[in-house]
Amino acid sequence: MEPLRRRRLPERLPQGRFPDADPGLDSCWDIFRLAVEKHPNNRMLGRREIVNGEAGKYVWLTYKEVYETVVKVGASIRSCGVQKGGRCGIYGANCPEWVTSMEACNAHGIYCVPLYDTLGAGAVEFILCHAEVQIAFVEEKKIGEVLKTFPNSTKFLKTIVSFGNVNPEQKEEVGKHGLAIYSWDEFLLLGSDQQFDLPVKEKTDICTIMYTSGTTGDPKGVMISNRSIVSLISGIAHVLEYVNEQVTENDVYLSYLPLAHIFDRVIEEFFIFSGASIGFWRGDVKLLVEDLTELKPTIFCAVPRVLDRIYTGLQSKISSGGFLKQKLFNIAYRM
């Protein structure tokens, strides 16, 4: 897909209103379910394999493989007593487990409550209590922040699931408050001997509760319906079609902006809808260009500050390469 640079988007859509969602696209679960049906063997989620402290190639899970894990996670969530309309927190940086947990929530009509990985214990406690979160998926290094919210958050919170491992001290601390905590691998097995029917999901059902970062006081939660997200998916496809562009199963996206923000949530939902591939950065801005070089994404969304940093770094390297190299780069950049 070529960049949209220098193209003006239409001031209004041709039919004079925002497009309806595609037929059969009633919920965020439908986005993923239909993508699995159409592109089961396409790469879906990837991250760099770390061997002896060094980052290697991206290792990928296909749509079918992710679906199989989503089924396991969903069954385990339900085995913890969380039903349709329950609240599930996700606290951590973007990663395959983040998206897998989100899709399990989508499958069972559970409200996904994402928390920015930059939040401290105070904001985390507020959101867990305000949203009445019953189960929380947590990045391994963030478990300590969740434990700091005890005992207040334990009024509703009953289960914690690590994206990685859990140490004995954490198990002991959680057990003191009557909660359960599982490593990722342990949790995948929790509901393996049980089967749960997927509930009917409506467009009007709440899909996610997105909270602000809390920079101007307590975080504020916004309830977002299935209809809002699936309509945005159709709207993005419509606008791209209007400017003769499209996202296909051959596109690759670098997951950099936080999934706890609605912008990246919708963008990644759209890539899943298209059967495209999503690769995750390692979470270190200093290594971002290296991740970009390895992944070779066709689309990358970022804030201006990061784009300026990348541009400055490129200019510095180009300038050190001599006049001819700099001239050729500038010509190519303007094309």
C-alpha atoms as a PDB file:
ATOM      1  CA  MET A   1       0.000   0.000   0.000  1.00  0.00           C
ATOM      2  CA  GLU A   2       1.443   3.368  -1.016  1.00  0.00           C
ATOM      3  CA  PRO A   3       1.454   6.298   1.448  1.00  0.00           C
ATOM      4  CA  LEU A   4      -1.394   8.804   1.236  1.00  0.00           C
ATOM      5  CA  ARG A   5       1.007  11.752   1.350  1.00  0.00           C
ATOM      6  CA  ARG A   6      -0.172  14.847  -0.570  1.00  0.00           C
ATOM      7  CA  ARG A   7      -3.656  13.426  -1.048  1.00  0.00           C
ATOM      8  CA  ARG A   8      -6.660  15.306   0.252  1.00  0.00           C
ATOM      9  CA  LEU A   9      -9.363  13.229   1.825  1.00  0.00           C
ATOM     10  CA  PRO A  10     -12.920  14.097   0.811  1.00  0.00           C
ATOM     11  CA  GLU A  11     -14.629  16.773   2.880  1.00  0.00           C
ATOM     12  CA  ARG A  12     -17.728  14.610   2.938  1.00  0.00           C
ATOM     13  CA  LEU A  13     -18.464  11.031   2.061  1.00  0.00           C
ATOM     14  CA  PRO A  14     -20.171  10.516  -1.327  1.00  0.00           C
ATOM     15  CA  GLN A  15     -23.465   9.298   0.115  1.00  0.00           C
ATOM     16  CA  GLY A  16     -23.552  12.179   2.590  1.00  0.00           C
ATOM     17  CA  ARG A  17     -23.353  10.074   5.753  1.00  0.00           C
ATOM     18  CA  PHE A  18     -21.117   7.641   7.571  1.00  0.00           C
ATOM     19  CA  PRO A  19     -21.423   4.173   5.988  1.00  0.00           C
ATOM     20  CA  ASP A  20     -23.214   1.317   7.685  1.00  0.00           C
ATOM     21  CA  ALA A  21     -21.219  -1.664   8.889  1.00  0.00           C
ATOM     22  CA  ASP A  22     -20.816  -4.521   6.425  1.00  0.00           C
ATOM     23  CA  PRO A  23     -23.589  -7.163   6.517  1.00  0.00           C
ATOM     24  CA  GLY A  24     -22.794  -9.848   9.086  1.00  0.00           C
ATOM     25  CA  LEU A  25     -20.420  -7.532  10.926  1.00  0.00           C
ATOM     26  CA  ASP A  26     -22.348  -6.981  14.146  1.00  0.00           C
ATOM     27  CA  SER A  27     -19.602  -7.177  16.748  1.00  0.00           C
ATOM     28  CA  CYS A  28     -15.849  -7.046  17.217  1.00  0.00           C
ATOM     29  CA  TRP A  29     -15.917 -10.834  17.471  1.00  0.00           C
ATOM     30  CA  ASP A  30     -17.261 -10.979  13.915  1.00  0.00           C
ATOM     31  CA  ILE A  31     -14.233  -8.982  12.737  1.00  0.00           C
ATOM     32  CA  PHE A  32     -11.850 -11.658  13.997  1.00  0.00           C
ATOM     33  CA  ARG A  33     -14.073 -14.668  13.273  1.00  0.00           C
ATOM     34  CA  LEU A  34     -14.551 -13.721   9.618  1.00  0.00           C
ATOM     35  CA  ALA A  35     -10.834 -12.976   9.203  1.00  0.00           C
ATOM     36  CA  VAL A  36      -9.977 -16.461  10.491  1.00  0.00           C
ATOM     37  CA  GLU A  37     -12.428 -18.000   8.021  1.00  0.00           C
ATOM     38  CA  LYS A  38     -10.940 -16.064   5.090  1.00  0.00           C
ATOM     39  CA  HIS A  39      -7.235 -16.107   6.002  1.00  0.00           C
ATOM     40  CA  PRO A  40      -6.586 -19.045   8.392  1.00  0.00           C
ATOM     41  CA  ASN A  41      -2.970 -19.562   7.340  1.00  0.00           C
ATOM     42  CA  ASN A  42      -1.928 -15.953   6.976  1.00  0.00           C
ATOM     43  CA  ARG A  43       0.463 -14.445   9.505  1.00  0.00           C
ATOM     44  CA  MET A  44      -1.450 -12.549  12.177  1.00  0.00           C
ATOM     45  CA  LEU A  45       0.674 -11.691  15.232  1.00  0.00           C
ATOM     46  CA  GLY A  46       4.457 -11.606  15.416  1.00  0.00           C
ATOM     47  CA  ARG A  47       7.256 -10.549  17.727  1.00  0.00           C
ATOM     48  CA  ARG A  48      11.023 -10.785  17.678  1.00  0.00           C
ATOM     49  CA  GLU A  49      12.509 -13.895  19.215  1.00  0.00           C
ATOM     50  CA  ILE A  50      15.096 -13.114  21.897  1.00  0.00           C
ATOM     51  CA  VAL A  51      17.991 -15.597  21.940  1.00  0.00           C
ATOM     52  CA  ASN A  52      20.871 -15.098  24.399  1.00  0.00           C
ATOM     53  CA  GLY A  53      19.773 -11.506  24.893  1.00  0.00           C
ATOM     54  CA  GLU A  54      19.806 -10.737  21.178  1.00  0.00           C
ATOM     55  CA  ALA A  55      16.719  -9.984  19.089  1.00  0.00           C
ATOM     56  CA  GLY A  56      16.307 -12.238  16.089  1.00  0.00           C
ATOM     57  CA  LYS A  57      13.717 -12.560  13.350  1.00  0.00           C
ATOM     58  CA  TYR A  58      10.011 -12.038  13.852  1.00  0.00           C
ATOM     59  CA  VAL A  59       8.228 -15.238  14.859  1.00  0.00           C
ATOM     60  CA  TRP A  60       4.612 -15.424  13.715  1.00  0.00           C
ATOM     61  CA  LEU A  61       1.313 -16.978  14.731  1.00  0.00           C
ATOM     62  CA  THR A  62      -1.263 -17.552  12.007  1.00  0.00           C
ATOM     63  CA  TYR A  63      -4.895 -16.496  12.263  1.00  0.00           C
ATOM     64  CA  LYS A  64      -5.865 -20.113  12.919  1.00  0.00           C
ATOM     65  CA  GLU A  65      -3.258 -20.508  15.661  1.00  0.00           C
ATOM     66  CA  VAL A  66      -4.374 -17.317  17.386  1.00  0.00           C
ATOM     67  CA  TYR A  67      -7.996 -18.457  17.142  1.00  0.00           C
ATOM     68  CA  GLU A  68      -7.166 -21.746  18.850  1.00  0.00           C
ATOM     69  CA  THR A  69      -5.505 -19.886  21.725  1.00  0.00           C
ATOM     70  CA  VAL A  70      -8.415 -17.433  21.954  1.00  0.00           C
ATOM     71  CA  VAL A  71     -10.787 -20.377  22.426  1.00  0.00           C
ATOM     72  CA  LYS A  72      -8.658 -21.653  25.324  1.00  0.00           C
ATOM     73  CA  VAL A  73      -8.405 -18.225  26.958  1.00  0.00           C
ATOM     74  CA  GLY A  74     -12.138 -17.664  26.597  1.00  0.00           C
ATOM     75  CA  ALA A  75     -12.968 -20.999  28.234  1.00  0.00           C
ATOM     76  CA  SER A  76     -10.590 -20.234  31.100  1.00  0.00           C
ATOM     77  CA  ILE A  77     -12.125 -16.788  31.650  1.00  0.00           C
ATOM     78  CA  ARG A  78     -15.594 -18.314  31.793  1.00  0.00           C
ATOM     79  CA  SER A  79     -14.385 -21.023  34.189  1.00  0.00           C
ATOM     80  CA  CYS A  80     -13.446 -18.190  36.566  1.00  0.00           C
ATOM     81  CA  GLY A  81     -17.107 -17.201  36.689  1.00  0.00           C
ATOM     82  CA  VAL A  82     -16.926 -14.181  34.378  1.00  0.00           C
ATOM     83  CA  GLN A  83     -20.043 -13.963  32.214  1.00  0.00           C
ATOM     84  CA  LYS A  84     -21.231 -11.766  29.350  1.00  0.00           C
ATOM     85  CA  GLY A  85     -21.155  -8.165  30.540  1.00  0.00           C
ATOM     86  CA  GLY A  86     -18.355  -8.895  33.010  1.00  0.00           C
ATOM     87  CA  ARG A  87     -15.240  -6.719  33.107  1.00  0.00           C
ATOM     88  CA  CYS A  88     -11.769  -7.863  32.098  1.00  0.00           C
ATOM     89  CA  GLY A  89      -8.749  -5.595  32.562  1.00  0.00           C
ATOM     90  CA  ILE A  90      -5.688  -5.712  30.300  1.00  0.00           C
ATOM     91  CA  TYR A  91      -2.635  -3.947  31.733  1.00  0.00           C
ATOM     92  CA  GLY A  92       0.602  -3.938  29.791  1.00  0.00           C
ATOM     93  CA  ALA A  93       2.423  -3.092  26.596  1.00  0.00           C
ATOM     94  CA  ASN A  94       1.169  -4.277  23.197  1.00  0.00           C
ATOM     95  CA  CYS A  95       1.970  -7.942  22.593  1.00  0.00           C
ATOM     96  CA  PRO A  96       0.354 -11.067  21.101  1.00  0.00           C
ATOM     97  CA  GLU A  97      -1.119 -11.994  24.502  1.00  0.00           C
ATOM     98  CA  TRP A  98      -2.783  -8.554  24.691  1.00  0.00           C
ATOM     99  CA  VAL A  99      -4.640  -9.079  21.416  1.00  0.00           C
ATOM    100  CA  THR A 100      -5.447 -12.698  22.272  1.00  0.00           C
ATOM    101  CA  SER A 101      -7.004 -11.641  25.592  1.00  0.00           C
ATOM    102  CA  MET A 102      -8.962  -8.903  23.825  1.00  0.00           C
ATOM    103  CA  GLU A 103     -10.361 -11.359  21.291  1.00  0.00           C
ATOM    104  CA  ALA A 104     -11.375 -13.751  24.077  1.00  0.00           C
ATOM    105  CA  CYS A 105     -13.347 -10.887  25.631  1.00  0.00           C
ATOM    106  CA  ASN A 106     -14.921 -10.155  22.244  1.00  0.00           C
ATOM    107  CA  ALA A 107     -15.934 -13.805  21.865  1.00  0.00           C
ATOM    108  CA  HIS A 108     -17.799 -13.938  25.164  1.00  0.00           C
ATOM    109  CA  GLY A 109     -19.275 -10.441  25.254  1.00  0.00           C
ATOM    110  CA  ILE A 110     -17.029  -9.376  28.141  1.00  0.00           C
ATOM    111  CA  TYR A 111     -16.150  -5.694  28.496  1.00  0.00           C
ATOM    112  CA  CYS A 112     -12.453  -5.202  27.738  1.00  0.00           C
ATOM    113  CA  VAL A 113     -10.960  -2.569  30.077  1.00  0.00           C
ATOM    114  CA  PRO A 114      -7.448  -1.654  28.869  1.00  0.00           C
ATOM    115  CA  LEU A 115      -5.008   0.190  31.116  1.00  0.00           C
ATOM    116  CA  TYR A 116      -2.021   2.140  29.777  1.00  0.00           C
ATOM    117  CA  ASP A 117       1.215   0.391  30.675  1.00  0.00           C
ATOM    118  CA  THR A 118       2.538   3.777  31.867  1.00  0.00           C
ATOM    119  CA  LEU A 119      -0.048   4.024  34.670  1.00  0.00           C
ATOM    120  CA  GLY A 120       1.066   3.746  38.266  1.00  0.00           C
ATOM    121  CA  ALA A 121      -0.666   1.907  41.091  1.00  0.00           C
ATOM    122  CA  GLY A 122      -2.942   4.839  41.977  1.00  0.00           C
ATOM    123  CA  ALA A 123      -4.566   5.089  38.550  1.00  0.00           C
ATOM    124  CA  VAL A 124      -4.628   1.305  38.191  1.00  0.00           C
ATOM    125  CA  GLU A 125      -6.483   0.982  41.496  1.00  0.00           C
ATOM    126  CA  PHE A 126      -8.998   3.638  40.477  1.00  0.00           C
ATOM    127  CA  ILE A 127      -9.794   1.942  37.153  1.00  0.00           C
ATOM    128  CA  LEU A 128      -9.982  -1.573  38.601  1.00  0.00           C
ATOM    129  CA  CYS A 129     -12.467  -0.373  41.223  1.00  0.00           C
ATOM    130  CA  HIS A 130     -14.405   2.082  39.050  1.00  0.00           C
ATOM    131  CA  ALA A 131     -14.929  -0.457  36.238  1.00  0.00           C
ATOM    132  CA  GLU A 132     -15.502  -3.306  38.722  1.00  0.00           C
ATOM    133  CA  VAL A 133     -12.877  -5.459  36.984  1.00  0.00           C
ATOM    134  CA  GLN A 134     -13.222  -9.153  37.873  1.00  0.00           C
ATOM    135  CA  ILE A 135     -10.222 -10.582  36.025  1.00  0.00           C
ATOM    136  CA  ALA A 136      -7.051  -8.829  34.867  1.00  0.00           C
ATOM    137  CA  PHE A 137      -4.438  -9.847  32.312  1.00  0.00           C
ATOM    138  CA  VAL A 138      -1.158  -8.234  33.311  1.00  0.00           C
ATOM    139  CA  GLU A 139       2.288  -7.876  31.760  1.00  0.00           C
ATOM    140  CA  GLU A 140       4.718  -9.845  33.916  1.00  0.00           C
ATOM    141  CA  LYS A 141       6.729  -6.816  35.037  1.00  0.00           C
ATOM    142  CA  LYS A 142       3.529  -4.933  35.966  1.00  0.00           C
ATOM    143  CA  ILE A 143       2.194  -7.486  38.455  1.00  0.00           C
ATOM    144  CA  GLY A 144       3.814  -5.582  41.323  1.00  0.00           C
ATOM    145  CA  GLU A 145       1.785  -2.472  40.470  1.00  0.00           C
ATOM    146  CA  VAL A 146      -1.443  -4.481  40.658  1.00  0.00           C
ATOM    147  CA  LEU A 147      -0.467  -5.940  44.027  1.00  0.00           C
ATOM    148  CA  LYS A 148      -0.098  -2.380  45.342  1.00  0.00           C
ATOM    149  CA  THR A 149      -3.818  -1.866  44.714  1.00  0.00           C
ATOM    150  CA  PHE A 150      -4.690  -4.478  47.370  1.00  0.00           C
ATOM    151  CA  PRO A 151      -6.900  -4.649  49.365  1.00  0.00           C
ATOM    152  CA  ASN A 152      -9.157  -2.004  47.765  1.00  0.00           C
ATOM    153  CA  SER A 153      -9.266  -3.599  44.295  1.00  0.00           C
ATOM    154  CA  THR A 154     -10.064  -7.047  45.678  1.00  0.00           C
ATOM    155  CA  LYS A 155     -13.700  -6.098  46.216  1.00  0.00           C
ATOM    156  CA  PHE A 156     -14.245  -7.017  42.556  1.00  0.00           C
ATOM    157  CA  LEU A 157     -10.930  -8.421  41.296  1.00  0.00           C
ATOM    158  CA  LYS A 158     -10.718 -12.185  41.806  1.00  0.00           C
ATOM    159  CA  THR A 159      -8.253 -13.445  39.180  1.00  0.00           C
ATOM    160  CA  ILE A 160      -4.921 -12.197  37.817  1.00  0.00           C
ATOM    161  CA  VAL A 161      -3.293 -13.690  34.722  1.00  0.00           C
ATOM    162  CA  SER A 162       0.324 -12.934  33.858  1.00  0.00           C
ATOM    163  CA  PHE A 163       1.365 -12.573  30.227  1.00  0.00           C
ATOM    164  CA  GLY A 164       4.451 -14.492  31.323  1.00  0.00           C
ATOM    165  CA  ASN A 165       5.386 -16.196  34.583  1.00  0.00           C
ATOM    166  CA  VAL A 166       4.452 -15.764  38.246  1.00  0.00           C
ATOM    167  CA  ASN A 167       6.922 -16.101  41.123  1.00  0.00           C
ATOM    168  CA  PRO A 168       6.182 -17.794  44.487  1.00  0.00           C
ATOM    169  CA  GLU A 169       6.151 -14.493  46.392  1.00  0.00           C
ATOM    170  CA  GLN A 170       3.446 -13.123  44.100  1.00  0.00           C
ATOM    171  CA  LYS A 171       1.362 -16.286  44.516  1.00  0.00           C
ATOM    172  CA  GLU A 172       1.681 -15.996  48.288  1.00  0.00           C
ATOM    173  CA  GLU A 173       0.688 -12.314  48.344  1.00  0.00           C
ATOM    174  CA  VAL A 174      -2.308 -12.855  46.081  1.00  0.00           C
ATOM    175  CA  GLY A 175      -3.398 -15.885  48.097  1.00  0.00           C
ATOM    176  CA  LYS A 176      -3.473 -13.832  51.304  1.00  0.00           C
ATOM    177  CA  HIS A 177      -6.311 -11.804  49.802  1.00  0.00           C
ATOM    178  CA  GLY A 178      -8.263 -14.786  48.522  1.00  0.00           C
ATOM    179  CA  LEU A 179      -7.449 -14.225  44.845  1.00  0.00           C
ATOM    180  CA  ALA A 180      -6.028 -16.584  42.234  1.00  0.00           C
ATOM    181  CA  ILE A 181      -3.044 -15.801  40.012  1.00  0.00           C
ATOM    182  CA  TYR A 182      -1.862 -17.803  37.003  1.00  0.00           C
ATOM    183  CA  SER A 183       0.998 -17.769  34.548  1.00  0.00           C
ATOM    184  CA  TRP A 184      -0.041 -17.567  30.904  1.00  0.00           C
ATOM    185  CA  ASP A 185       0.600 -21.267  30.302  1.00  0.00           C
ATOM    186  CA  GLU A 186      -1.266 -22.271  33.470  1.00  0.00           C
ATOM    187  CA  PHE A 187      -4.272 -20.201  32.496  1.00  0.00           C
ATOM    188  CA  LEU A 188      -4.505 -21.774  29.039  1.00  0.00           C
ATOM    189  CA  LEU A 189      -5.118 -25.135  30.726  1.00  0.00           C
ATOM    190  CA  LEU A 190      -7.593 -23.884  33.321  1.00  0.00           C
ATOM    191  CA  GLY A 191     -10.712 -24.302  31.188  1.00  0.00           C
ATOM    192  CA  SER A 192      -9.461 -27.136  28.986  1.00  0.00           C
ATOM    193  CA  ASP A 193     -12.017 -29.632  30.323  1.00  0.00           C
ATOM    194  CA  GLN A 194     -14.984 -27.276  29.957  1.00  0.00           C
ATOM    195  CA  GLN A 195     -17.020 -25.983  27.038  1.00  0.00           C
ATOM    196  CA  PHE A 196     -18.982 -22.757  26.952  1.00  0.00           C
ATOM    197  CA  ASP A 197     -21.420 -21.597  24.310  1.00  0.00           C
ATOM    198  CA  LEU A 198     -20.680 -18.154  22.922  1.00  0.00           C
ATOM    199  CA  PRO A 199     -23.395 -15.670  23.886  1.00  0.00           C
ATOM    200  CA  VAL A 200     -25.323 -13.731  21.267  1.00  0.00           C
ATOM    201  CA  LYS A 201     -23.660 -10.367  20.736  1.00  0.00           C
ATOM    202  CA  GLU A 202     -25.566  -7.283  19.584  1.00  0.00           C
ATOM    203  CA  LYS A 203     -24.332  -4.123  17.910  1.00  0.00           C
ATOM    204  CA  THR A 204     -25.554  -2.151  20.895  1.00  0.00           C
ATOM    205  CA  ASP A 205     -23.550  -4.229  23.396  1.00  0.00           C
ATOM    206  CA  ILE A 206     -20.607  -2.551  25.092  1.00  0.00           C
ATOM    207  CA  CYS A 207     -17.333  -3.863  23.686  1.00  0.00           C
ATOM    208  CA  THR A 208     -14.742  -1.907  25.642  1.00  0.00           C
ATOM    209  CA  ILE A 209     -14.413   0.764  28.317  1.00  0.00           C
ATOM    210  CA  MET A 210     -11.560   3.081  27.373  1.00  0.00           C
ATOM    211  CA  TYR A 211     -10.100   5.223  30.160  1.00  0.00           C
ATOM    212  CA  THR A 212      -8.205   8.477  29.782  1.00  0.00           C
ATOM    213  CA  SER A 213      -4.627   8.629  31.029  1.00  0.00           C
ATOM    214  CA  GLY A 214      -5.654  10.579  34.140  1.00  0.00           C
ATOM    215  CA  THR A 215      -3.390  13.588  33.566  1.00  0.00           C
ATOM    216  CA  THR A 216      -6.205  15.994  34.538  1.00  0.00           C
ATOM    217  CA  GLY A 217      -7.591  14.119  37.532  1.00  0.00           C
ATOM    218  CA  ASP A 218      -9.095  10.678  37.916  1.00  0.00           C
ATOM    219  CA  PRO A 219      -9.206   8.661  34.658  1.00  0.00           C
ATOM    220  CA  LYS A 220     -12.533   8.902  32.873  1.00  0.00           C
ATOM    221  CA  GLY A 221     -14.093   5.820  31.305  1.00  0.00           C
ATOM    222  CA  VAL A 222     -15.851   5.879  27.942  1.00  0.00           C
ATOM    223  CA  MET A 223     -18.147   2.975  27.088  1.00  0.00           C
ATOM    224  CA  ILE A 224     -17.738   2.033  23.416  1.00  0.00           C
ATOM    225  CA  SER A 225     -20.201  -0.258  21.672  1.00  0.00           C
ATOM    226  CA  ASN A 226     -19.683  -2.901  19.020  1.00  0.00           C
ATOM    227  CA  ARG A 227     -21.553  -0.636  16.624  1.00  0.00           C
ATOM    228  CA  SER A 228     -19.020   2.172  17.093  1.00  0.00           C
ATOM    229  CA  ILE A 229     -16.032   0.004  16.229  1.00  0.00           C
ATOM    230  CA  VAL A 230     -17.529  -1.967  13.339  1.00  0.00           C
ATOM    231  CA  SER A 231     -18.842   1.284  11.835  1.00  0.00           C
ATOM    232  CA  LEU A 232     -15.360   2.778  12.055  1.00  0.00           C
ATOM    233  CA  ILE A 233     -13.969  -0.308  10.309  1.00  0.00           C
ATOM    234  CA  SER A 234     -16.403   0.184   7.428  1.00  0.00           C
ATOM    235  CA  GLY A 235     -15.667   3.904   7.389  1.00  0.00           C
ATOM    236  CA  ILE A 236     -11.911   3.385   7.075  1.00  0.00           C
ATOM    237  CA  ALA A 237     -12.401   0.914   4.228  1.00  0.00           C
ATOM    238  CA  HIS A 238     -14.755   3.347   2.506  1.00  0.00           C
ATOM    239  CA  VAL A 239     -12.361   6.300   2.738  1.00  0.00           C
ATOM    240  CA  LEU A 240      -9.440   4.210   1.456  1.00  0.00           C
ATOM    241  CA  GLU A 241     -11.567   3.014  -1.445  1.00  0.00           C
ATOM    242  CA  TYR A 242     -12.508   6.609  -2.228  1.00  0.00           C
ATOM    243  CA  VAL A 243      -8.815   7.522  -2.679  1.00  0.00           C
ATOM    244  CA  ASN A 244      -8.065   4.291  -4.602  1.00  0.00           C
ATOM    245  CA  GLU A 245      -6.182   2.653  -1.742  1.00  0.00           C
ATOM    246  CA  GLN A 246      -6.754  -0.504   0.260  1.00  0.00           C
ATOM    247  CA  VAL A 247      -5.291  -2.631   3.025  1.00  0.00           C
ATOM    248  CA  THR A 248      -4.939  -6.296   2.058  1.00  0.00           C
ATOM    249  CA  GLU A 249      -3.769  -9.543   3.600  1.00  0.00           C
ATOM    250  CA  ASN A 250      -0.299  -8.719   2.253  1.00  0.00           C
ATOM    251  CA  ASP A 251       0.097  -5.591   4.380  1.00  0.00           C
ATOM    252  CA  VAL A 252       2.164  -5.493   7.559  1.00  0.00           C
ATOM    253  CA  TYR A 253       1.595  -3.124  10.488  1.00  0.00           C
ATOM    254  CA  LEU A 254       3.999  -2.295  13.316  1.00  0.00           C
ATOM    255  CA  SER A 255       2.055  -2.200  16.593  1.00  0.00           C
ATOM    256  CA  TYR A 256       3.641   0.767  18.344  1.00  0.00           C
ATOM    257  CA  LEU A 257       0.918   3.092  19.659  1.00  0.00           C
ATOM    258  CA  PRO A 258      -0.828   1.791  22.809  1.00  0.00           C
ATOM    259  CA  LEU A 259      -3.773  -0.539  22.352  1.00  0.00           C
ATOM    260  CA  ALA A 260      -5.258   1.128  25.434  1.00  0.00           C
ATOM    261  CA  HIS A 261      -6.057   4.100  23.155  1.00  0.00           C
ATOM    262  CA  ILE A 262      -9.021   3.867  20.799  1.00  0.00           C
ATOM    263  CA  PHE A 263      -6.938   4.992  17.794  1.00  0.00           C
ATOM    264  CA  ASP A 264      -4.635   1.976  17.765  1.00  0.00           C
ATOM    265  CA  ARG A 265      -7.421  -0.361  18.884  1.00  0.00           C
ATOM    266  CA  VAL A 266      -9.438   0.543  15.776  1.00  0.00           C
ATOM    267  CA  ILE A 267      -6.394   0.469  13.484  1.00  0.00           C
ATOM    268  CA  GLU A 268      -5.452  -3.032  14.631  1.00  0.00           C
ATOM    269  CA  GLU A 269      -9.070  -4.190  14.374  1.00  0.00           C
ATOM    270  CA  PHE A 270      -9.034  -2.924  10.786  1.00  0.00           C
ATOM    271  CA  PHE A 271      -5.849  -4.836   9.996  1.00  0.00           C
ATOM    272  CA  ILE A 272      -7.388  -7.977  11.463  1.00  0.00           C
ATOM    273  CA  PHE A 273     -10.519  -7.339   9.389  1.00  0.00           C
ATOM    274  CA  SER A 274      -8.244  -7.189   6.314  1.00  0.00           C
ATOM    275  CA  GLY A 275      -6.355 -10.390   7.149  1.00  0.00           C
ATOM    276  CA  ALA A 276      -3.104  -8.439   7.421  1.00  0.00           C
ATOM    277  CA  SER A 277      -0.126  -9.039   9.726  1.00  0.00           C
ATOM    278  CA  ILE A 278       0.658  -7.192  12.968  1.00  0.00           C
ATOM    279  CA  GLY A 279       4.205  -7.178  14.330  1.00  0.00           C
ATOM    280  CA  PHE A 280       4.998  -5.778  17.784  1.00  0.00           C
ATOM    281  CA  TRP A 281       7.877  -3.482  18.676  1.00  0.00           C
ATOM    282  CA  ARG A 282      10.053  -4.293  21.706  1.00  0.00           C
ATOM    283  CA  GLY A 283       8.943  -1.296  23.747  1.00  0.00           C
ATOM    284  CA  ASP A 284      12.228   0.640  23.583  1.00  0.00           C
ATOM    285  CA  VAL A 285      12.221   3.821  21.491  1.00  0.00           C
ATOM    286  CA  LYS A 286      15.980   3.486  20.992  1.00  0.00           C
ATOM    287  CA  LEU A 287      15.365   0.154  19.244  1.00  0.00           C
ATOM    288  CA  LEU A 288      12.351   1.280  17.229  1.00  0.00           C
ATOM    289  CA  VAL A 289      14.229   1.867  13.970  1.00  0.00           C
ATOM    290  CA  GLU A 290      15.861  -1.548  14.324  1.00  0.00           C
ATOM    291  CA  ASP A 291      12.418  -3.153  14.737  1.00  0.00           C
ATOM    292  CA  LEU A 292      11.129  -1.231  11.725  1.00  0.00           C
ATOM    293  CA  THR A 293      14.094  -2.414   9.667  1.00  0.00           C
ATOM    294  CA  GLU A 294      13.527  -6.038  10.625  1.00  0.00           C
ATOM    295  CA  LEU A 295       9.736  -6.040  10.208  1.00  0.00           C
ATOM    296  CA  LYS A 296       9.572  -3.886   7.057  1.00  0.00           C
ATOM    297  CA  PRO A 297       5.983  -2.747   7.707  1.00  0.00           C
ATOM    298  CA  THR A 298       3.916  -1.334   4.881  1.00  0.00           C
ATOM    299  CA  ILE A 299       2.071   0.920   7.341  1.00  0.00           C
ATOM    300  CA  PHE A 300       3.326   2.564  10.531  1.00  0.00           C
ATOM    301  CA  CYS A 301       1.314   4.912  12.750  1.00  0.00           C
ATOM    302  CA  ALA A 302       3.123   7.133  15.237  1.00  0.00           C
ATOM    303  CA  VAL A 303       2.978  10.494  16.978  1.00  0.00           C
ATOM    304  CA  PRO A 304       4.808  13.429  15.303  1.00  0.00           C
ATOM    305  CA  ARG A 305       7.551  13.497  17.951  1.00  0.00           C
ATOM    306  CA  VAL A 306       8.617   9.942  17.085  1.00  0.00           C
ATOM    307  CA  LEU A 307       8.446  10.592  13.342  1.00  0.00           C
ATOM    308  CA  ASP A 308      10.653  13.671  13.831  1.00  0.00           C
ATOM    309  CA  ARG A 309      13.151  11.561  15.764  1.00  0.00           C
ATOM    310  CA  ILE A 310      13.246   8.954  12.992  1.00  0.00           C
ATOM    311  CA  TYR A 311      13.615  11.647  10.332  1.00  0.00           C
ATOM    312  CA  THR A 312      16.428  13.369  12.256  1.00  0.00           C
ATOM    313  CA  GLY A 313      18.253  10.065  12.675  1.00  0.00           C
ATOM    314  CA  LEU A 314      17.942   9.284   8.975  1.00  0.00           C
ATOM    315  CA  GLN A 315      19.128  12.764   8.008  1.00  0.00           C
ATOM    316  CA  SER A 316      22.153  12.383  10.259  1.00  0.00           C
ATOM    317  CA  LYS A 317      23.112   9.086   8.631  1.00  0.00           C
ATOM    318  CA  ILE A 318      22.466  10.395   5.130  1.00  0.00           C
ATOM    319  CA  SER A 319      24.519  13.545   5.761  1.00  0.00           C
ATOM    320  CA  SER A 320      27.477  11.490   6.944  1.00  0.00           C
ATOM    321  CA  GLY A 321      27.325   9.509   3.699  1.00  0.00           C
ATOM    322  CA  GLY A 322      28.317  12.371   1.432  1.00  0.00           C
ATOM    323  CA  PHE A 323      26.625  14.782  -0.973  1.00  0.00           C
ATOM    324  CA  LEU A 324      25.534  12.233  -3.606  1.00  0.00           C
ATOM    325  CA  LYS A 325      23.885   9.943  -1.064  1.00  0.00           C
ATOM    326  CA  GLN A 326      22.063  12.872   0.522  1.00  0.00           C
ATOM    327  CA  LYS A 327      20.901  14.164  -2.864  1.00  0.00           C
ATOM    328  CA  LEU A 328      19.538  10.775  -3.946  1.00  0.00           C
ATOM    329  CA  PHE A 329      17.694  10.362  -0.646  1.00  0.00           C
ATOM    330  CA  ASN A 330      16.074  13.797  -0.890  1.00  0.00           C
ATOM    331  CA  ILE A 331      14.924  13.087  -4.457  1.00  0.00           C
ATOM    332  CA  ALA A 332      13.424   9.745  -3.414  1.00  0.00           C
ATOM    333  CA  TYR A 333      11.780  11.298  -0.337  1.00  0.00           C
ATOM    334  CA  ARG A 334       9.973  13.921  -2.446  1.00  0.00           C
ATOM    335  CA  MET A 335       8.597  11.359  -4.911  1.00  0.00           C
END
